[in-house]
Amino acid sequence: MIVIICHWFWFERYYLISKEEYEWFDSAIQKLDDLAHDCYKQGVKHPRFYCSELECENITEQVTNLRTLLTNSKPTE
């Protein structure tokens, strides 16, 4: 799940969710919204925090997660 953070600039934080929670998009959108809000409130301290585009929020493992995420999301030719 991606939570977009807007301040003076825009960046995204990534959180891990289960397949069941992902499917809430179609069946229980309010539950998914509540989970996203909880992640937003706790920020990098949330146990599901995976990585942030704002590198200063990441520890070494999360920097690796971000690089993996960005590498895997690039379109292939």
C-alpha atoms as a PDB file:
ATOM      1  CA  MET A   1       0.000   0.000   0.000  1.00  0.00           C
ATOM      2  CA  ILE A   2       1.271   3.488  -0.802  1.00  0.00           C
ATOM      3  CA  VAL A   3       0.527   6.468   1.414  1.00  0.00           C
ATOM      4  CA  ILE A   4       1.230   9.829  -0.234  1.00  0.00           C
ATOM      5  CA  ILE A   5       2.699  12.496   2.056  1.00  0.00           C
ATOM      6  CA  CYS A   6       2.243  16.123   1.033  1.00  0.00           C
ATOM      7  CA  HIS A   7       4.271  18.854   2.738  1.00  0.00           C
ATOM      8  CA  TRP A   8       6.421  21.365   0.897  1.00  0.00           C
ATOM      9  CA  PHE A   9       7.138  18.451  -1.378  1.00  0.00           C
ATOM     10  CA  TRP A  10       5.463  15.166  -2.252  1.00  0.00           C
ATOM     11  CA  PHE A  11       6.766  11.698  -1.430  1.00  0.00           C
ATOM     12  CA  GLU A  12       5.401   8.213  -0.874  1.00  0.00           C
ATOM     13  CA  ARG A  13       5.717   5.744   1.982  1.00  0.00           C
ATOM     14  CA  TYR A  14       5.193   2.061   1.288  1.00  0.00           C
ATOM     15  CA  TYR A  15       3.542  -0.375   3.702  1.00  0.00           C
ATOM     16  CA  LEU A  16       3.066  -4.133   3.487  1.00  0.00           C
ATOM     17  CA  ILE A  17      -0.496  -5.448   3.430  1.00  0.00           C
ATOM     18  CA  SER A  18      -1.943  -8.919   2.988  1.00  0.00           C
ATOM     19  CA  LYS A  19      -3.758 -10.156  -0.107  1.00  0.00           C
ATOM     20  CA  GLU A  20      -6.984 -10.126   1.912  1.00  0.00           C
ATOM     21  CA  GLU A  21      -6.440  -6.477   2.873  1.00  0.00           C
ATOM     22  CA  TYR A  22      -5.622  -5.634  -0.750  1.00  0.00           C
ATOM     23  CA  GLU A  23      -8.975  -7.104  -1.768  1.00  0.00           C
ATOM     24  CA  TRP A  24     -10.749  -4.711   0.617  1.00  0.00           C
ATOM     25  CA  PHE A  25     -10.525  -2.227  -2.268  1.00  0.00           C
ATOM     26  CA  ASP A  26     -13.475  -4.036  -3.850  1.00  0.00           C
ATOM     27  CA  SER A  27     -15.289  -5.286  -0.762  1.00  0.00           C
ATOM     28  CA  ALA A  28     -14.554  -3.062   2.259  1.00  0.00           C
ATOM     29  CA  ILE A  29     -13.034   0.221   1.117  1.00  0.00           C
ATOM     30  CA  GLN A  30     -13.608   1.890   4.502  1.00  0.00           C
ATOM     31  CA  LYS A  31     -11.479  -0.764   6.234  1.00  0.00           C
ATOM     32  CA  LEU A  32      -8.693  -0.139   3.721  1.00  0.00           C
ATOM     33  CA  ASP A  33      -9.016   3.614   4.213  1.00  0.00           C
ATOM     34  CA  ASP A  34      -8.832   3.138   7.998  1.00  0.00           C
ATOM     35  CA  LEU A  35      -5.677   1.039   7.607  1.00  0.00           C
ATOM     36  CA  ALA A  36      -4.107   3.690   5.358  1.00  0.00           C
ATOM     37  CA  HIS A  37      -4.970   6.393   7.901  1.00  0.00           C
ATOM     38  CA  ASP A  38      -3.429   4.331  10.710  1.00  0.00           C
ATOM     39  CA  CYS A  39      -0.251   3.901   8.644  1.00  0.00           C
ATOM     40  CA  TYR A  40      -0.181   7.643   7.950  1.00  0.00           C
ATOM     41  CA  LYS A  41      -0.564   8.517  11.653  1.00  0.00           C
ATOM     42  CA  GLN A  42       2.213   6.169  12.797  1.00  0.00           C
ATOM     43  CA  GLY A  43       4.469   6.902   9.830  1.00  0.00           C
ATOM     44  CA  VAL A  44       7.814   5.102   9.854  1.00  0.00           C
ATOM     45  CA  LYS A  45       7.049   3.653  13.296  1.00  0.00           C
ATOM     46  CA  HIS A  46       4.168   1.543  11.921  1.00  0.00           C
ATOM     47  CA  PRO A  47       5.085  -2.178  11.979  1.00  0.00           C
ATOM     48  CA  ARG A  48       4.049  -2.502   8.314  1.00  0.00           C
ATOM     49  CA  PHE A  49       6.394   0.290   7.149  1.00  0.00           C
ATOM     50  CA  TYR A  50       8.419  -1.033   4.197  1.00  0.00           C
ATOM     51  CA  CYS A  51      10.278   2.023   2.890  1.00  0.00           C
ATOM     52  CA  SER A  52       9.975   5.691   1.996  1.00  0.00           C
ATOM     53  CA  GLU A  53      10.929   7.707  -1.062  1.00  0.00           C
ATOM     54  CA  LEU A  54      12.338  10.222   1.443  1.00  0.00           C
ATOM     55  CA  GLU A  55      15.646   8.458   2.023  1.00  0.00           C
ATOM     56  CA  CYS A  56      16.324  10.019   5.439  1.00  0.00           C
ATOM     57  CA  GLU A  57      13.316   8.052   6.785  1.00  0.00           C
ATOM     58  CA  ASN A  58      14.889   4.710   5.823  1.00  0.00           C
ATOM     59  CA  ILE A  59      17.288   2.495   7.714  1.00  0.00           C
ATOM     60  CA  THR A  60      19.746   0.368   5.715  1.00  0.00           C
ATOM     61  CA  GLU A  61      17.254  -2.466   5.117  1.00  0.00           C
ATOM     62  CA  GLN A  62      14.620  -0.003   3.915  1.00  0.00           C
ATOM     63  CA  VAL A  63      17.076   1.670   1.525  1.00  0.00           C
ATOM     64  CA  THR A  64      17.543  -1.773  -0.022  1.00  0.00           C
ATOM     65  CA  ASN A  65      13.756  -2.252  -0.123  1.00  0.00           C
ATOM     66  CA  LEU A  66      13.339   1.096  -1.898  1.00  0.00           C
ATOM     67  CA  ARG A  67      16.004   0.274  -4.486  1.00  0.00           C
ATOM     68  CA  THR A  68      14.388  -3.108  -5.131  1.00  0.00           C
ATOM     69  CA  LEU A  69      10.958  -1.537  -5.403  1.00  0.00           C
ATOM     70  CA  LEU A  70      12.128   1.139  -7.835  1.00  0.00           C
ATOM     71  CA  THR A  71      14.115  -1.325  -9.935  1.00  0.00           C
ATOM     72  CA  ASN A  72      11.180  -3.738 -10.217  1.00  0.00           C
ATOM     73  CA  SER A  73       8.670  -1.006 -11.064  1.00  0.00           C
ATOM     74  CA  LYS A  74      10.515   0.299 -14.121  1.00  0.00           C
ATOM     75  CA  PRO A  75       8.845  -0.701 -17.392  1.00  0.00           C
ATOM     76  CA  THR A  76      10.764  -3.227 -19.437  1.00  0.00           C
ATOM     77  CA  GLU A  77      11.198  -2.944 -23.160  1.00  0.00           C
END
